[in-house]
Amino acid sequence: MAQREYQRTNSVPRRRDIPDRVLRRLFDTACASAGLALLAPIFALIALAIKLDDGGPVLYSQYRVGKGLRKFRLLKFRSMFSGCAEGSLLTAPRDTRVTRVGRFLRRYKLDELPQLVNVLKGEMQLVGVRPQVEKFVDIFPDEYGELLQTPPGITDPASLSFRHEELLFLENSIEEHYIAKILPIKLGIALKYSRTRTFLSDLEILFRTVLGLPSPAMKSKEQGFDPTLPPLHKIVAELLVRAGHFHKE
């Protein structure tokens, strides 16, 4: 698929959004600082496990596209064998590049914990669209141009709905399937949420992420969340069924 050029978006936030953004930044900084302090023993145990497993580096960094379409280095605990992460941009369910410890970390999303450092540096926020590599941003410039007016995040409704998205990948066409079917749905969810998000809705997303709960239901952008609607993860599953990617039981 040919890449399209994109331009940096220099938009001025609406005046009513400014208090929300200030509050969100203060909250993110406080939570990231507290999280790094409280989780320090867990960080140490994970680092030890990675070292004992194959002796390679503890951390892995990769350039991702952030706020204003500027690149930054995303941090993760290394979950693949050293030198193997340069292959496919996506990870298959039984990807042989993933280490034994890496499979455990990925299963419980523990490999994402170092991104609290990215949050502390202001490169990311707790809730926001997941940061992507430049290749995928090039394919969807309009969507990312809007979404990345604010920093990308560690979690969002799309992440909750696709918590185990690798199970939806088709063998031998993982990247093509992701670009054509999965990523457009995720971007649609992210755009809908970003246009209606509030500090309180962000708190709900954080609680659901920590507790392993599915994404909340959403309706029109004027109305925001509606608990009477079907959960968003069921809506996503139905869309994929209609697209013919898997059959209902």
Protein backbone atom coordinates (compact mmCIF):
# COMPACT_ATOMS: atom_id res chain seq x y z
CA MET A 1 0.00 0.00 0.00
CA ALA A 2 1.45 3.34 -1.03
CA GLN A 3 2.29 5.70 1.75
CA ARG A 4 0.70 9.13 1.85
CA GLU A 5 2.39 12.25 3.05
CA TYR A 6 1.16 13.89 6.20
CA GLN A 7 1.68 17.29 7.70
CA ARG A 8 2.09 18.30 11.31
CA THR A 9 -1.06 19.65 12.84
CA ASN A 10 -0.63 22.88 14.77
CA SER A 11 -4.01 23.38 16.33
CA VAL A 12 -4.83 25.59 19.30
CA PRO A 13 -6.80 23.71 21.98
CA ARG A 14 -10.26 25.01 22.71
CA ARG A 15 -10.35 27.19 25.81
CA ARG A 16 -12.69 24.83 27.64
CA ASP A 17 -10.24 21.96 27.03
CA ILE A 18 -7.31 23.72 28.70
CA PRO A 19 -8.29 23.02 32.37
CA ASP A 20 -8.92 19.37 31.49
CA ARG A 21 -5.52 19.07 29.83
CA VAL A 22 -3.73 20.75 32.73
CA LEU A 23 -5.49 18.51 35.23
CA ARG A 24 -4.74 15.45 33.13
CA ARG A 25 -1.04 16.34 32.87
CA LEU A 26 -0.73 16.91 36.63
CA PHE A 27 -2.53 13.64 37.29
CA ASP A 28 -0.39 11.73 34.78
CA THR A 29 2.82 13.09 36.27
CA ALA A 30 1.76 12.22 39.82
CA CYS A 31 0.61 8.71 38.83
CA ALA A 32 3.73 8.00 36.78
CA SER A 33 6.00 9.14 39.62
CA ALA A 34 4.08 7.10 42.20
CA GLY A 35 3.92 4.11 39.90
CA LEU A 36 7.65 4.09 39.25
CA ALA A 37 8.34 4.30 43.00
CA LEU A 38 5.80 1.68 44.07
CA LEU A 39 6.61 -0.73 41.25
CA ALA A 40 10.38 -0.50 41.68
CA PRO A 41 10.59 -3.99 43.30
CA ILE A 42 8.57 -5.47 40.42
CA PHE A 43 10.80 -3.69 37.90
CA ALA A 44 13.82 -5.23 39.62
CA LEU A 45 12.32 -8.74 39.53
CA ILE A 46 11.40 -8.40 35.84
CA ALA A 47 14.88 -7.13 35.01
CA LEU A 48 16.42 -10.09 36.86
CA ALA A 49 14.15 -12.57 35.08
CA ILE A 50 15.05 -11.13 31.66
CA LYS A 51 18.76 -11.29 32.46
CA LEU A 52 18.57 -14.86 33.77
CA ASP A 53 16.52 -15.96 30.76
CA ASP A 54 18.96 -15.10 27.97
CA GLY A 55 21.42 -12.55 29.36
CA GLY A 56 20.39 -9.81 26.92
CA PRO A 57 19.44 -6.17 27.57
CA VAL A 58 16.57 -5.51 29.97
CA LEU A 59 14.97 -2.65 28.04
CA TYR A 60 13.97 -2.27 24.41
CA SER A 61 13.31 1.06 22.72
CA GLN A 62 11.75 1.83 19.37
CA TYR A 63 10.96 5.08 17.59
CA ARG A 64 7.24 5.84 17.55
CA VAL A 65 5.29 8.88 16.35
CA GLY A 66 4.10 11.14 19.16
CA LYS A 67 2.42 14.49 19.71
CA GLY A 68 2.59 16.80 16.71
CA LEU A 69 3.81 13.81 14.66
CA ARG A 70 7.24 14.10 16.27
CA LYS A 71 9.20 10.91 16.92
CA PHE A 72 10.22 9.69 20.36
CA ARG A 73 11.72 6.53 21.81
CA LEU A 74 9.08 4.22 23.28
CA LEU A 75 10.37 2.10 26.17
CA LYS A 76 9.46 -1.51 26.93
CA PHE A 77 10.85 -4.43 28.83
CA ARG A 78 12.51 -6.58 26.19
CA SER A 79 10.32 -9.56 25.36
CA MET A 80 12.11 -10.82 22.24
CA PHE A 81 15.52 -12.36 21.69
CA SER A 82 18.20 -9.73 21.07
CA GLY A 83 18.45 -8.81 17.40
CA CYS A 84 15.08 -10.38 16.51
CA ALA A 85 12.86 -7.31 16.93
CA GLU A 86 13.83 -5.92 13.54
CA GLY A 87 11.60 -8.33 11.64
CA SER A 88 7.83 -7.97 11.35
CA LEU A 89 6.32 -4.94 13.07
CA LEU A 90 3.59 -7.18 14.50
CA THR A 91 3.83 -10.22 16.77
CA ALA A 92 2.07 -13.44 15.83
CA PRO A 93 0.43 -15.58 18.57
CA ARG A 94 3.25 -18.16 18.48
CA ASP A 95 6.02 -15.85 17.35
CA THR A 96 9.36 -17.61 17.78
CA ARG A 97 11.11 -14.29 18.43
CA VAL A 98 9.45 -13.99 21.84
CA THR A 99 11.40 -15.30 24.83
CA ARG A 100 9.99 -17.50 27.57
CA VAL A 101 9.91 -14.58 30.03
CA GLY A 102 8.64 -12.32 27.23
CA ARG A 103 5.54 -14.45 26.76
CA PHE A 104 4.66 -14.01 30.41
CA LEU A 105 5.30 -10.26 30.27
CA ARG A 106 3.19 -9.85 27.14
CA ARG A 107 0.34 -11.94 28.52
CA TYR A 108 -0.09 -9.57 31.45
CA LYS A 109 1.09 -6.42 29.59
CA LEU A 110 3.99 -6.06 32.03
CA ASP A 111 6.35 -5.24 29.16
CA GLU A 112 4.56 -1.87 28.86
CA LEU A 113 5.42 -0.69 32.40
CA PRO A 114 8.58 1.27 31.41
CA GLN A 115 6.32 3.61 29.45
CA LEU A 116 5.63 5.31 32.78
CA VAL A 117 9.01 6.95 32.10
CA ASN A 118 7.67 8.21 28.77
CA VAL A 119 4.66 9.61 30.62
CA LEU A 120 6.87 11.33 33.17
CA LYS A 121 8.88 12.94 30.34
CA GLY A 122 5.68 14.22 28.72
CA GLU A 123 6.12 12.06 25.61
CA MET A 124 3.03 10.03 26.48
CA GLN A 125 -0.05 10.25 28.68
CA LEU A 126 -1.82 7.53 30.63
CA VAL A 127 -4.90 7.53 28.37
CA GLY A 128 -4.61 8.16 24.66
CA VAL A 129 -4.26 6.45 21.30
CA ARG A 130 -1.43 3.92 21.28
CA PRO A 131 1.75 5.25 19.63
CA GLN A 132 2.52 3.65 16.29
CA VAL A 133 5.54 3.30 14.04
CA GLU A 134 5.87 5.81 11.21
CA LYS A 135 4.82 3.30 8.56
CA PHE A 136 1.30 2.94 9.95
CA VAL A 137 0.97 6.68 10.61
CA ASP A 138 1.86 7.34 6.96
CA ILE A 139 -1.01 5.11 5.84
CA PHE A 140 -3.59 6.92 8.03
CA PRO A 141 -2.34 10.55 8.10
CA ASP A 142 -5.70 12.21 8.65
CA GLU A 143 -6.65 10.03 11.60
CA TYR A 144 -3.30 10.32 13.32
CA GLY A 145 -3.08 14.01 12.49
CA GLU A 146 -6.16 14.54 14.68
CA LEU A 147 -5.36 11.98 17.37
CA LEU A 148 -1.79 13.14 17.89
CA GLN A 149 -2.69 16.72 18.70
CA THR A 150 -2.16 15.35 22.21
CA PRO A 151 0.48 12.80 23.32
CA PRO A 152 -0.22 9.12 22.66
CA GLY A 153 -1.14 6.97 25.64
CA ILE A 154 -0.52 3.72 27.45
CA THR A 155 -4.17 2.66 27.20
CA ASP A 156 -7.46 3.71 25.59
CA PRO A 157 -10.83 2.13 24.68
CA ALA A 158 -9.37 0.60 21.51
CA SER A 159 -6.60 -1.06 23.53
CA LEU A 160 -9.19 -2.54 25.89
CA SER A 161 -11.32 -3.81 23.02
CA PHE A 162 -8.30 -5.38 21.31
CA ARG A 163 -6.50 -6.51 24.46
CA HIS A 164 -5.43 -9.73 22.70
CA GLU A 165 -5.51 -8.56 19.09
CA GLU A 166 -2.83 -11.05 18.05
CA LEU A 167 -5.49 -13.77 18.24
CA LEU A 168 -7.26 -12.07 15.33
CA PHE A 169 -4.23 -12.07 13.03
CA LEU A 170 -4.39 -14.21 9.91
CA GLU A 171 -1.36 -16.39 9.24
CA ASN A 172 0.85 -15.39 6.31
CA SER A 173 -0.86 -11.98 5.99
CA ILE A 174 -0.59 -10.50 9.46
CA GLU A 175 0.45 -6.98 8.48
CA GLU A 176 -1.95 -6.73 5.53
CA HIS A 177 -4.84 -7.92 7.70
CA TYR A 178 -3.91 -5.52 10.50
CA ILE A 179 -3.77 -2.50 8.15
CA ALA A 180 -6.90 -3.37 6.18
CA LYS A 181 -9.22 -4.54 8.96
CA ILE A 182 -8.03 -4.15 12.55
CA LEU A 183 -6.28 -0.76 12.59
CA PRO A 184 -9.17 1.13 10.91
CA ILE A 185 -11.56 -0.13 13.61
CA LYS A 186 -9.12 0.82 16.37
CA LEU A 187 -8.67 4.29 14.91
CA GLY A 188 -12.44 4.75 14.66
CA ILE A 189 -12.81 3.88 18.35
CA ALA A 190 -9.91 6.16 19.30
CA LEU A 191 -11.31 9.09 17.32
CA LYS A 192 -14.77 8.72 18.82
CA TYR A 193 -13.35 8.66 22.32
CA SER A 194 -10.90 11.53 21.80
CA ARG A 195 -13.72 13.84 20.68
CA THR A 196 -15.75 13.27 23.85
CA ARG A 197 -13.16 12.40 26.49
CA THR A 198 -13.14 14.01 29.90
CA PHE A 199 -10.92 13.60 32.93
CA LEU A 200 -13.56 11.35 34.54
CA SER A 201 -13.87 9.17 31.44
CA ASP A 202 -10.08 8.79 31.46
CA LEU A 203 -10.28 7.58 35.07
CA GLU A 204 -12.80 4.94 34.01
CA ILE A 205 -10.47 3.72 31.25
CA LEU A 206 -7.58 3.51 33.74
CA PHE A 207 -9.62 1.51 36.25
CA ARG A 208 -10.79 -0.87 33.53
CA THR A 209 -7.20 -1.31 32.33
CA VAL A 210 -5.84 -2.10 35.80
CA LEU A 211 -8.72 -4.46 36.64
CA GLY A 212 -8.66 -6.18 33.24
CA LEU A 213 -12.23 -5.13 32.40
CA PRO A 214 -13.51 -4.66 28.82
CA SER A 215 -13.96 -1.27 27.22
CA PRO A 216 -17.08 0.72 28.19
CA ALA A 217 -19.87 1.19 25.68
CA MET A 218 -19.97 4.42 23.68
CA LYS A 219 -22.65 6.10 21.64
CA SER A 220 -22.84 9.44 19.81
CA LYS A 221 -20.16 12.03 20.42
CA GLU A 222 -22.69 14.42 21.91
CA GLN A 223 -23.75 11.88 24.54
CA GLY A 224 -20.47 10.17 25.44
CA PHE A 225 -20.82 6.95 27.45
CA ASP A 226 -24.02 5.00 27.87
CA PRO A 227 -23.93 1.94 30.18
CA THR A 228 -27.15 0.60 28.64
CA LEU A 229 -25.47 0.00 25.27
CA PRO A 230 -23.66 -3.26 24.48
CA PRO A 231 -20.00 -3.24 25.60
CA LEU A 232 -17.64 -1.94 22.94
CA HIS A 233 -15.65 -5.17 22.77
CA LYS A 234 -18.86 -6.96 21.66
CA ILE A 235 -19.47 -4.33 18.99
CA VAL A 236 -15.92 -4.84 17.70
CA ALA A 237 -16.36 -8.61 17.67
CA GLU A 238 -19.58 -8.23 15.68
CA LEU A 239 -17.83 -5.98 13.14
CA LEU A 240 -15.11 -8.58 12.67
CA VAL A 241 -17.69 -11.34 12.29
CA ARG A 242 -19.44 -9.33 9.58
CA ALA A 243 -16.10 -8.82 7.87
CA GLY A 244 -15.75 -12.60 7.73
CA HIS A 245 -12.63 -13.00 9.91
CA PHE A 246 -14.02 -15.52 12.36
CA HIS A 247 -17.29 -17.27 13.07
CA LYS A 248 -19.47 -16.95 16.13
CA GLU A 249 -19.73 -20.00 18.34
